[in-house]
Amino acid sequence: MDAVAIPTRRGFLKLAVVGGVTWMTAMTTGLRPSWAGGHAEALLLSCMDYRLIDDIERYMSGRGLRDNYDHVILAGASLGALVSSKPTWGQTFWEHLDVASSLHAIKKVILMDHRDCGAYKVFLGEDFSMDRARETVAHAEQLKKLAVLIKDKHPNLETETLLMSLDGKVEVIN
């Protein structure tokens, strides 16, 4: 087994000073350090539901987007960004979108809601999962509303509206 070199106190301080100087130079000159830049293809907005985290990652990887997207998670996804009872959630989404646009030069926003969403039950007061057609309409309404707002604020960004089933299958909502 190879020995791991542990930096001395002086070595650690030297590293901290160099890192601090690099960061300060970047911040005062407007240059981005290499760890802050780069490009990502998309920003994904999805729900916090733990049942779908692995399916979402598999879906994004299957599209060739592994390690190539920023991810914002809000309960209810599109509804979470729009619900009037949680205005700071919408503000958070828009601020993340602005940062992803400027920092990572994203090209699209992927809005992914999911079926049997508890946030829809909480915020809209109805369990839409009992009627698949009504559930699709409820999600489509929120997804389309958010997509229009994104296009208004960021006309250069594409938007995709998706609905994931609990089995991980994804359908496009037009």
N, C-alpha and C. Protein backbone atom coordinates (compact mmCIF):
# COMPACT_ATOMS: atom_id res chain seq x y z
N MET A 1 0.84 -1.17 0.00
CA MET A 1 0.00 0.00 0.00
C MET A 1 0.89 1.24 0.00
N ASP A 2 0.62 2.17 -0.88
CA ASP A 2 1.40 3.40 -0.98
C ASP A 2 1.05 4.34 0.17
N ALA A 3 2.07 5.04 0.62
CA ALA A 3 1.85 6.04 1.67
C ALA A 3 1.22 7.28 1.06
N VAL A 4 0.32 7.89 1.78
CA VAL A 4 -0.33 9.13 1.33
C VAL A 4 0.44 10.29 1.94
N ALA A 5 0.82 11.24 1.11
CA ALA A 5 1.55 12.41 1.60
C ALA A 5 0.57 13.37 2.26
N ILE A 6 0.84 13.67 3.49
CA ILE A 6 0.02 14.63 4.23
C ILE A 6 0.77 15.96 4.23
N PRO A 7 0.15 17.02 3.73
CA PRO A 7 0.86 18.29 3.67
C PRO A 7 1.19 18.82 5.06
N THR A 8 2.33 19.45 5.12
CA THR A 8 2.70 20.10 6.37
C THR A 8 1.83 21.33 6.55
N ARG A 9 1.91 21.92 7.72
CA ARG A 9 1.13 23.12 7.97
C ARG A 9 1.53 24.23 6.99
N ARG A 10 2.83 24.37 6.75
CA ARG A 10 3.31 25.39 5.81
C ARG A 10 2.80 25.08 4.40
N GLY A 11 2.85 23.81 3.99
CA GLY A 11 2.36 23.43 2.67
C GLY A 11 0.87 23.71 2.52
N PHE A 12 0.12 23.43 3.57
CA PHE A 12 -1.31 23.70 3.54
C PHE A 12 -1.57 25.19 3.41
N LEU A 13 -0.85 25.99 4.19
CA LEU A 13 -1.04 27.44 4.12
C LEU A 13 -0.67 27.99 2.75
N LYS A 14 0.39 27.46 2.15
CA LYS A 14 0.81 27.89 0.82
C LYS A 14 -0.30 27.58 -0.19
N LEU A 15 -0.86 26.39 -0.09
CA LEU A 15 -1.94 25.99 -0.98
C LEU A 15 -3.16 26.90 -0.80
N ALA A 16 -3.48 27.22 0.45
CA ALA A 16 -4.62 28.09 0.73
C ALA A 16 -4.40 29.49 0.17
N VAL A 17 -3.21 30.01 0.30
CA VAL A 17 -2.91 31.35 -0.22
C VAL A 17 -2.99 31.36 -1.74
N VAL A 18 -2.41 30.36 -2.40
CA VAL A 18 -2.45 30.29 -3.86
C VAL A 18 -3.90 30.19 -4.33
N GLY A 19 -4.66 29.34 -3.68
CA GLY A 19 -6.08 29.21 -4.05
C GLY A 19 -6.84 30.50 -3.83
N GLY A 20 -6.59 31.16 -2.73
CA GLY A 20 -7.26 32.43 -2.43
C GLY A 20 -6.90 33.51 -3.44
N VAL A 21 -5.63 33.58 -3.80
CA VAL A 21 -5.19 34.57 -4.79
C VAL A 21 -5.84 34.28 -6.15
N THR A 22 -5.90 33.02 -6.53
CA THR A 22 -6.54 32.64 -7.79
C THR A 22 -8.00 33.04 -7.78
N TRP A 23 -8.70 32.76 -6.69
CA TRP A 23 -10.11 33.10 -6.59
C TRP A 23 -10.30 34.61 -6.63
N MET A 24 -9.51 35.36 -5.87
CA MET A 24 -9.63 36.82 -5.84
C MET A 24 -9.33 37.42 -7.21
N THR A 25 -8.33 36.91 -7.89
CA THR A 25 -8.01 37.40 -9.23
C THR A 25 -9.19 37.17 -10.17
N ALA A 26 -9.76 36.00 -10.10
CA ALA A 26 -10.90 35.69 -10.96
C ALA A 26 -12.07 36.61 -10.66
N MET A 27 -12.35 36.84 -9.39
CA MET A 27 -13.50 37.66 -9.03
C MET A 27 -13.30 39.13 -9.38
N THR A 28 -12.10 39.65 -9.24
CA THR A 28 -11.87 41.08 -9.48
C THR A 28 -11.61 41.39 -10.95
N THR A 29 -11.21 40.40 -11.73
CA THR A 29 -10.94 40.66 -13.16
C THR A 29 -12.09 40.21 -14.04
N GLY A 30 -13.06 39.54 -13.45
CA GLY A 30 -14.17 39.04 -14.25
C GLY A 30 -13.87 37.73 -14.95
N LEU A 31 -12.68 37.19 -14.77
CA LEU A 31 -12.34 35.91 -15.37
C LEU A 31 -12.90 34.80 -14.50
N ARG A 32 -13.40 33.77 -15.14
CA ARG A 32 -13.91 32.64 -14.38
C ARG A 32 -12.80 31.63 -14.16
N PRO A 33 -12.63 31.16 -12.92
CA PRO A 33 -11.68 30.07 -12.73
C PRO A 33 -12.17 28.83 -13.47
N SER A 34 -11.27 27.93 -13.79
CA SER A 34 -11.65 26.76 -14.59
C SER A 34 -12.73 25.93 -13.92
N TRP A 35 -12.78 25.91 -12.59
CA TRP A 35 -13.77 25.11 -11.91
C TRP A 35 -15.16 25.72 -11.99
N ALA A 36 -15.27 26.97 -12.41
CA ALA A 36 -16.57 27.63 -12.43
C ALA A 36 -17.15 27.71 -13.84
N GLY A 37 -16.36 27.43 -14.84
CA GLY A 37 -16.82 27.64 -16.21
C GLY A 37 -17.30 26.38 -16.86
N GLY A 38 -17.13 26.35 -18.15
CA GLY A 38 -17.55 25.19 -18.91
C GLY A 38 -18.96 25.36 -19.44
N HIS A 39 -19.41 24.32 -20.10
CA HIS A 39 -20.73 24.36 -20.71
C HIS A 39 -21.51 23.14 -20.28
N ALA A 40 -22.79 23.34 -20.15
CA ALA A 40 -23.73 22.24 -19.92
C ALA A 40 -24.81 22.36 -20.98
N GLU A 41 -25.28 21.26 -21.45
CA GLU A 41 -26.30 21.25 -22.49
C GLU A 41 -27.62 21.81 -21.99
N ALA A 42 -27.98 21.49 -20.74
CA ALA A 42 -29.33 21.82 -20.30
C ALA A 42 -29.39 22.08 -18.80
N LEU A 43 -30.53 22.65 -18.42
CA LEU A 43 -30.92 22.72 -17.01
C LEU A 43 -32.16 21.85 -16.89
N LEU A 44 -32.15 20.92 -15.95
CA LEU A 44 -33.29 20.04 -15.70
C LEU A 44 -34.00 20.51 -14.44
N LEU A 45 -35.30 20.67 -14.52
CA LEU A 45 -36.14 20.90 -13.34
C LEU A 45 -36.95 19.64 -13.13
N SER A 46 -36.80 19.04 -11.95
CA SER A 46 -37.58 17.85 -11.63
C SER A 46 -38.09 17.95 -10.20
N CYS A 47 -38.91 16.99 -9.84
CA CYS A 47 -39.49 16.92 -8.50
C CYS A 47 -38.51 16.26 -7.53
N MET A 48 -38.77 16.47 -6.26
CA MET A 48 -37.91 15.91 -5.22
C MET A 48 -38.22 14.45 -4.89
N ASP A 49 -39.24 13.88 -5.49
CA ASP A 49 -39.72 12.54 -5.12
C ASP A 49 -38.59 11.51 -5.19
N TYR A 50 -38.29 10.95 -4.05
CA TYR A 50 -37.19 9.97 -3.92
C TYR A 50 -37.40 8.73 -4.77
N ARG A 51 -38.63 8.42 -5.12
CA ARG A 51 -38.91 7.21 -5.90
C ARG A 51 -38.35 7.28 -7.31
N LEU A 52 -38.05 8.49 -7.79
CA LEU A 52 -37.68 8.64 -9.19
C LEU A 52 -36.26 9.15 -9.43
N ILE A 53 -35.50 9.38 -8.40
CA ILE A 53 -34.16 9.95 -8.56
C ILE A 53 -33.30 9.08 -9.48
N ASP A 54 -33.28 7.78 -9.25
CA ASP A 54 -32.48 6.88 -10.09
C ASP A 54 -33.01 6.84 -11.52
N ASP A 55 -34.34 6.84 -11.69
CA ASP A 55 -34.92 6.83 -13.02
C ASP A 55 -34.59 8.11 -13.79
N ILE A 56 -34.60 9.22 -13.10
CA ILE A 56 -34.26 10.50 -13.75
C ILE A 56 -32.81 10.46 -14.24
N GLU A 57 -31.92 9.99 -13.40
CA GLU A 57 -30.51 9.91 -13.79
C GLU A 57 -30.33 8.96 -14.98
N ARG A 58 -31.01 7.82 -14.96
CA ARG A 58 -30.94 6.87 -16.08
C ARG A 58 -31.47 7.50 -17.36
N TYR A 59 -32.58 8.21 -17.23
CA TYR A 59 -33.16 8.86 -18.41
C TYR A 59 -32.19 9.89 -19.00
N MET A 60 -31.64 10.75 -18.14
CA MET A 60 -30.72 11.78 -18.63
C MET A 60 -29.46 11.15 -19.22
N SER A 61 -28.93 10.12 -18.59
CA SER A 61 -27.75 9.43 -19.13
C SER A 61 -28.08 8.77 -20.46
N GLY A 62 -29.27 8.18 -20.56
CA GLY A 62 -29.70 7.55 -21.80
C GLY A 62 -29.81 8.52 -22.96
N ARG A 63 -29.98 9.78 -22.65
CA ARG A 63 -30.03 10.82 -23.68
C ARG A 63 -28.64 11.38 -23.98
N GLY A 64 -27.62 10.81 -23.33
CA GLY A 64 -26.25 11.30 -23.53
C GLY A 64 -25.95 12.56 -22.74
N LEU A 65 -26.71 12.83 -21.70
CA LEU A 65 -26.53 14.06 -20.92
C LEU A 65 -25.87 13.84 -19.56
N ARG A 66 -25.38 12.65 -19.31
CA ARG A 66 -24.71 12.41 -18.03
C ARG A 66 -23.57 13.42 -17.86
N ASP A 67 -23.52 14.07 -16.70
CA ASP A 67 -22.52 15.09 -16.39
C ASP A 67 -22.55 16.26 -17.37
N ASN A 68 -23.71 16.49 -17.99
CA ASN A 68 -23.81 17.56 -18.97
C ASN A 68 -25.11 18.36 -18.79
N TYR A 69 -25.60 18.41 -17.53
CA TYR A 69 -26.78 19.22 -17.24
C TYR A 69 -26.72 19.69 -15.79
N ASP A 70 -27.32 20.86 -15.58
CA ASP A 70 -27.52 21.38 -14.23
C ASP A 70 -28.88 20.87 -13.78
N HIS A 71 -29.08 20.74 -12.46
CA HIS A 71 -30.30 20.13 -11.96
C HIS A 71 -30.88 20.96 -10.83
N VAL A 72 -32.12 21.39 -11.01
CA VAL A 72 -32.87 22.09 -9.96
C VAL A 72 -34.00 21.15 -9.55
N ILE A 73 -34.19 21.01 -8.25
CA ILE A 73 -35.22 20.12 -7.74
C ILE A 73 -36.17 20.92 -6.86
N LEU A 74 -37.45 20.89 -7.23
CA LEU A 74 -38.51 21.52 -6.44
C LEU A 74 -39.66 20.53 -6.32
N ALA A 75 -40.29 20.46 -5.18
CA ALA A 75 -41.49 19.64 -5.04
C ALA A 75 -42.50 20.10 -6.08
N GLY A 76 -42.98 19.17 -6.88
CA GLY A 76 -43.95 19.50 -7.92
C GLY A 76 -43.33 19.94 -9.23
N ALA A 77 -42.01 20.09 -9.28
CA ALA A 77 -41.29 20.50 -10.50
C ALA A 77 -41.92 21.76 -11.09
N SER A 78 -42.62 21.68 -12.22
CA SER A 78 -43.17 22.89 -12.85
C SER A 78 -44.16 23.60 -11.94
N LEU A 79 -45.00 22.85 -11.25
CA LEU A 79 -45.95 23.46 -10.32
C LEU A 79 -45.21 24.16 -9.18
N GLY A 80 -44.14 23.55 -8.70
CA GLY A 80 -43.35 24.15 -7.62
C GLY A 80 -42.76 25.49 -8.01
N ALA A 81 -42.41 25.65 -9.28
CA ALA A 81 -41.85 26.92 -9.75
C ALA A 81 -42.93 27.97 -9.94
N LEU A 82 -44.20 27.56 -10.01
CA LEU A 82 -45.30 28.47 -10.31
C LEU A 82 -46.25 28.74 -9.16
N VAL A 83 -46.27 27.87 -8.18
CA VAL A 83 -47.29 27.94 -7.13
C VAL A 83 -47.18 29.25 -6.33
N SER A 84 -48.29 29.95 -6.21
CA SER A 84 -48.29 31.26 -5.56
C SER A 84 -48.07 31.17 -4.05
N SER A 85 -48.35 30.03 -3.45
CA SER A 85 -48.16 29.91 -2.01
C SER A 85 -46.69 29.73 -1.61
N LYS A 86 -45.83 29.51 -2.58
CA LYS A 86 -44.38 29.36 -2.35
C LYS A 86 -43.61 30.25 -3.33
N PRO A 87 -43.75 31.57 -3.23
CA PRO A 87 -43.11 32.46 -4.22
C PRO A 87 -41.59 32.36 -4.24
N THR A 88 -40.98 32.02 -3.12
CA THR A 88 -39.51 31.91 -3.11
C THR A 88 -39.04 30.72 -3.93
N TRP A 89 -39.88 29.72 -4.09
CA TRP A 89 -39.50 28.57 -4.92
C TRP A 89 -39.36 29.01 -6.37
N GLY A 90 -40.32 29.79 -6.85
CA GLY A 90 -40.23 30.30 -8.21
C GLY A 90 -39.01 31.19 -8.37
N GLN A 91 -38.78 32.04 -7.39
CA GLN A 91 -37.60 32.91 -7.43
C GLN A 91 -36.33 32.08 -7.50
N THR A 92 -36.26 31.02 -6.72
CA THR A 92 -35.10 30.13 -6.74
C THR A 92 -34.91 29.52 -8.12
N PHE A 93 -35.99 29.04 -8.72
CA PHE A 93 -35.88 28.46 -10.06
C PHE A 93 -35.32 29.48 -11.05
N TRP A 94 -35.89 30.69 -11.07
CA TRP A 94 -35.45 31.70 -12.04
C TRP A 94 -34.00 32.10 -11.80
N GLU A 95 -33.59 32.19 -10.55
CA GLU A 95 -32.20 32.54 -10.27
C GLU A 95 -31.25 31.43 -10.72
N HIS A 96 -31.64 30.18 -10.50
CA HIS A 96 -30.82 29.07 -10.98
C HIS A 96 -30.75 29.06 -12.51
N LEU A 97 -31.86 29.34 -13.15
CA LEU A 97 -31.87 29.39 -14.61
C LEU A 97 -30.94 30.49 -15.12
N ASP A 98 -30.98 31.64 -14.49
CA ASP A 98 -30.09 32.74 -14.90
C ASP A 98 -28.62 32.35 -14.73
N VAL A 99 -28.30 31.72 -13.60
CA VAL A 99 -26.92 31.31 -13.35
C VAL A 99 -26.48 30.24 -14.35
N ALA A 100 -27.35 29.26 -14.60
CA ALA A 100 -27.02 28.20 -15.55
C ALA A 100 -26.79 28.78 -16.95
N SER A 101 -27.59 29.77 -17.31
CA SER A 101 -27.42 30.42 -18.62
C SER A 101 -26.10 31.15 -18.72
N SER A 102 -25.79 31.94 -17.71
CA SER A 102 -24.58 32.75 -17.79
C SER A 102 -23.31 31.94 -17.48
N LEU A 103 -23.37 31.02 -16.55
CA LEU A 103 -22.18 30.29 -16.14
C LEU A 103 -21.87 29.10 -17.04
N HIS A 104 -22.91 28.39 -17.46
CA HIS A 104 -22.70 27.15 -18.22
C HIS A 104 -23.23 27.21 -19.64
N ALA A 105 -23.73 28.36 -20.06
CA ALA A 105 -24.21 28.55 -21.43
C ALA A 105 -25.15 27.43 -21.88
N ILE A 106 -26.13 27.11 -21.03
CA ILE A 106 -27.08 26.05 -21.38
C ILE A 106 -27.85 26.42 -22.65
N LYS A 107 -28.32 25.40 -23.35
CA LYS A 107 -29.06 25.60 -24.58
C LYS A 107 -30.55 25.31 -24.43
N LYS A 108 -30.89 24.53 -23.40
CA LYS A 108 -32.29 24.18 -23.22
C LYS A 108 -32.64 23.97 -21.76
N VAL A 109 -33.93 24.03 -21.50
CA VAL A 109 -34.47 23.74 -20.17
C VAL A 109 -35.39 22.54 -20.34
N ILE A 110 -35.14 21.53 -19.53
CA ILE A 110 -35.97 20.32 -19.55
C ILE A 110 -36.83 20.35 -18.29
N LEU A 111 -38.14 20.41 -18.48
CA LEU A 111 -39.09 20.42 -17.38
C LEU A 111 -39.68 19.03 -17.28
N MET A 112 -39.44 18.36 -16.14
CA MET A 112 -39.89 16.98 -15.98
C MET A 112 -40.77 16.85 -14.74
N ASP A 113 -42.07 16.74 -14.97
CA ASP A 113 -43.01 16.41 -13.90
C ASP A 113 -43.11 14.89 -13.82
N HIS A 114 -43.86 14.40 -12.83
CA HIS A 114 -44.08 12.95 -12.76
C HIS A 114 -45.48 12.63 -12.27
N ARG A 115 -45.94 11.47 -12.61
CA ARG A 115 -47.26 11.00 -12.19
C ARG A 115 -47.26 10.69 -10.69
N ASP A 116 -48.45 10.70 -10.12
CA ASP A 116 -48.65 10.43 -8.69
C ASP A 116 -47.81 11.38 -7.83
N CYS A 117 -47.83 12.65 -8.20
CA CYS A 117 -47.02 13.66 -7.51
C CYS A 117 -47.76 14.19 -6.27
N GLY A 118 -47.13 14.01 -5.13
CA GLY A 118 -47.71 14.48 -3.88
C GLY A 118 -47.87 15.99 -3.82
N ALA A 119 -46.96 16.72 -4.43
CA ALA A 119 -47.05 18.18 -4.43
C ALA A 119 -48.31 18.65 -5.15
N TYR A 120 -48.71 17.97 -6.21
CA TYR A 120 -49.94 18.32 -6.91
C TYR A 120 -51.13 18.12 -5.97
N LYS A 121 -51.09 17.07 -5.17
CA LYS A 121 -52.16 16.82 -4.20
C LYS A 121 -52.19 17.93 -3.15
N VAL A 122 -51.01 18.30 -2.65
CA VAL A 122 -50.93 19.32 -1.60
C VAL A 122 -51.34 20.69 -2.11
N PHE A 123 -50.77 21.12 -3.23
CA PHE A 123 -50.98 22.48 -3.71
C PHE A 123 -52.30 22.67 -4.45
N LEU A 124 -52.77 21.65 -5.14
CA LEU A 124 -54.01 21.79 -5.90
C LEU A 124 -55.21 21.14 -5.22
N GLY A 125 -54.94 20.42 -4.13
CA GLY A 125 -56.02 19.85 -3.32
C GLY A 125 -56.79 18.72 -3.98
N GLU A 126 -56.15 18.02 -4.90
CA GLU A 126 -56.83 16.93 -5.59
C GLU A 126 -55.82 15.85 -5.94
N ASP A 127 -56.27 14.60 -5.84
CA ASP A 127 -55.42 13.47 -6.23
C ASP A 127 -55.70 13.13 -7.69
N PHE A 128 -54.92 13.72 -8.57
CA PHE A 128 -55.11 13.52 -10.00
C PHE A 128 -54.72 12.13 -10.46
N SER A 129 -53.97 11.40 -9.65
CA SER A 129 -53.48 10.09 -10.07
C SER A 129 -54.59 9.07 -10.24
N MET A 130 -55.78 9.37 -9.74
CA MET A 130 -56.91 8.44 -9.87
C MET A 130 -57.50 8.44 -11.28
N ASP A 131 -57.18 9.47 -12.07
CA ASP A 131 -57.70 9.59 -13.43
C ASP A 131 -56.54 10.02 -14.32
N ARG A 132 -55.98 9.06 -15.06
CA ARG A 132 -54.76 9.31 -15.85
C ARG A 132 -54.93 10.47 -16.83
N ALA A 133 -56.06 10.57 -17.48
CA ALA A 133 -56.28 11.64 -18.46
C ALA A 133 -56.29 13.00 -17.76
N ARG A 134 -57.00 13.12 -16.65
CA ARG A 134 -57.04 14.39 -15.91
C ARG A 134 -55.67 14.72 -15.33
N GLU A 135 -54.93 13.69 -14.91
CA GLU A 135 -53.58 13.90 -14.39
C GLU A 135 -52.67 14.48 -15.49
N THR A 136 -52.78 13.91 -16.68
CA THR A 136 -51.98 14.41 -17.80
C THR A 136 -52.32 15.87 -18.09
N VAL A 137 -53.60 16.20 -18.11
CA VAL A 137 -54.04 17.58 -18.36
C VAL A 137 -53.50 18.52 -17.28
N ALA A 138 -53.57 18.11 -16.02
CA ALA A 138 -53.09 18.96 -14.92
C ALA A 138 -51.60 19.25 -15.06
N HIS A 139 -50.82 18.24 -15.37
CA HIS A 139 -49.38 18.44 -15.54
C HIS A 139 -49.08 19.25 -16.80
N ALA A 140 -49.79 18.95 -17.88
CA ALA A 140 -49.57 19.66 -19.14
C ALA A 140 -49.83 21.16 -18.95
N GLU A 141 -50.83 21.50 -18.20
CA GLU A 141 -51.16 22.91 -17.95
C GLU A 141 -49.99 23.64 -17.28
N GLN A 142 -49.44 23.04 -16.23
CA GLN A 142 -48.33 23.67 -15.50
C GLN A 142 -47.05 23.69 -16.34
N LEU A 143 -46.77 22.58 -16.99
CA LEU A 143 -45.56 22.49 -17.82
C LEU A 143 -45.58 23.53 -18.94
N LYS A 144 -46.71 23.65 -19.62
CA LYS A 144 -46.82 24.62 -20.72
C LYS A 144 -46.73 26.05 -20.21
N LYS A 145 -47.37 26.32 -19.07
CA LYS A 145 -47.34 27.66 -18.50
C LYS A 145 -45.89 28.07 -18.18
N LEU A 146 -45.14 27.18 -17.58
CA LEU A 146 -43.75 27.48 -17.24
C LEU A 146 -42.89 27.59 -18.50
N ALA A 147 -43.13 26.74 -19.48
CA ALA A 147 -42.37 26.79 -20.73
C ALA A 147 -42.57 28.14 -21.44
N VAL A 148 -43.78 28.66 -21.42
CA VAL A 148 -44.06 29.97 -22.04
C VAL A 148 -43.31 31.07 -21.29
N LEU A 149 -43.32 31.02 -19.98
CA LEU A 149 -42.60 32.03 -19.18
C LEU A 149 -41.10 31.98 -19.45
N ILE A 150 -40.56 30.78 -19.57
CA ILE A 150 -39.13 30.63 -19.86
C ILE A 150 -38.83 31.24 -21.23
N LYS A 151 -39.66 30.95 -22.21
CA LYS A 151 -39.44 31.49 -23.56
C LYS A 151 -39.51 33.01 -23.56
N ASP A 152 -40.40 33.57 -22.74
CA ASP A 152 -40.50 35.04 -22.64
C ASP A 152 -39.24 35.65 -22.04
N LYS A 153 -38.71 35.03 -21.01
CA LYS A 153 -37.54 35.57 -20.31
C LYS A 153 -36.22 35.20 -20.96
N HIS A 154 -36.19 34.04 -21.62
CA HIS A 154 -34.97 33.52 -22.26
C HIS A 154 -35.32 33.00 -23.65
N PRO A 155 -35.59 33.89 -24.60
CA PRO A 155 -36.04 33.44 -25.93
C PRO A 155 -35.03 32.57 -26.67
N ASN A 156 -33.78 32.61 -26.27
CA ASN A 156 -32.76 31.80 -26.95
C ASN A 156 -32.73 30.35 -26.45
N LEU A 157 -33.44 30.04 -25.38
CA LEU A 157 -33.42 28.68 -24.83
C LEU A 157 -34.57 27.84 -25.37
N GLU A 158 -34.26 26.60 -25.72
CA GLU A 158 -35.29 25.62 -26.05
C GLU A 158 -35.91 25.13 -24.74
N THR A 159 -37.14 24.66 -24.81
CA THR A 159 -37.75 24.02 -23.65
C THR A 159 -38.32 22.68 -24.06
N GLU A 160 -38.25 21.74 -23.15
CA GLU A 160 -38.88 20.43 -23.33
C GLU A 160 -39.78 20.21 -22.13
N THR A 161 -40.95 19.66 -22.37
CA THR A 161 -41.89 19.36 -21.29
C THR A 161 -42.15 17.86 -21.28
N LEU A 162 -41.86 17.24 -20.15
CA LEU A 162 -41.91 15.79 -20.03
C LEU A 162 -42.72 15.38 -18.80
N LEU A 163 -43.27 14.19 -18.87
CA LEU A 163 -44.00 13.60 -17.76
C LEU A 163 -43.52 12.17 -17.57
N MET A 164 -42.96 11.88 -16.38
CA MET A 164 -42.43 10.56 -16.08
C MET A 164 -43.44 9.75 -15.28
N SER A 165 -43.60 8.49 -15.65
CA SER A 165 -44.42 7.56 -14.87
C SER A 165 -43.58 6.97 -13.76
N LEU A 166 -44.21 6.35 -12.80
CA LEU A 166 -43.47 5.77 -11.68
C LEU A 166 -42.61 4.58 -12.10
N ASP A 167 -42.82 4.07 -13.31
CA ASP A 167 -41.96 2.99 -13.81
C ASP A 167 -40.75 3.54 -14.58
N GLY A 168 -40.61 4.87 -14.61
CA GLY A 168 -39.47 5.49 -15.28
C GLY A 168 -39.67 5.84 -16.74
N LYS A 169 -40.82 5.46 -17.29
CA LYS A 169 -41.10 5.80 -18.68
C LYS A 169 -41.46 7.27 -18.78
N VAL A 170 -40.97 7.92 -19.86
CA VAL A 170 -41.15 9.35 -20.03
C VAL A 170 -41.94 9.62 -21.29
N GLU A 171 -42.93 10.49 -21.17
CA GLU A 171 -43.69 10.92 -22.34
C GLU A 171 -43.50 12.42 -22.54
N VAL A 172 -43.46 12.81 -23.79
CA VAL A 172 -43.35 14.22 -24.14
C VAL A 172 -44.72 14.85 -24.07
N ILE A 173 -44.79 16.00 -23.44
CA ILE A 173 -46.05 16.76 -23.35
C ILE A 173 -45.94 17.94 -24.30
N ASN A 174 -46.82 17.99 -25.29
CA ASN A 174 -46.82 19.11 -26.25
C ASN A 174 -47.92 20.09 -25.96
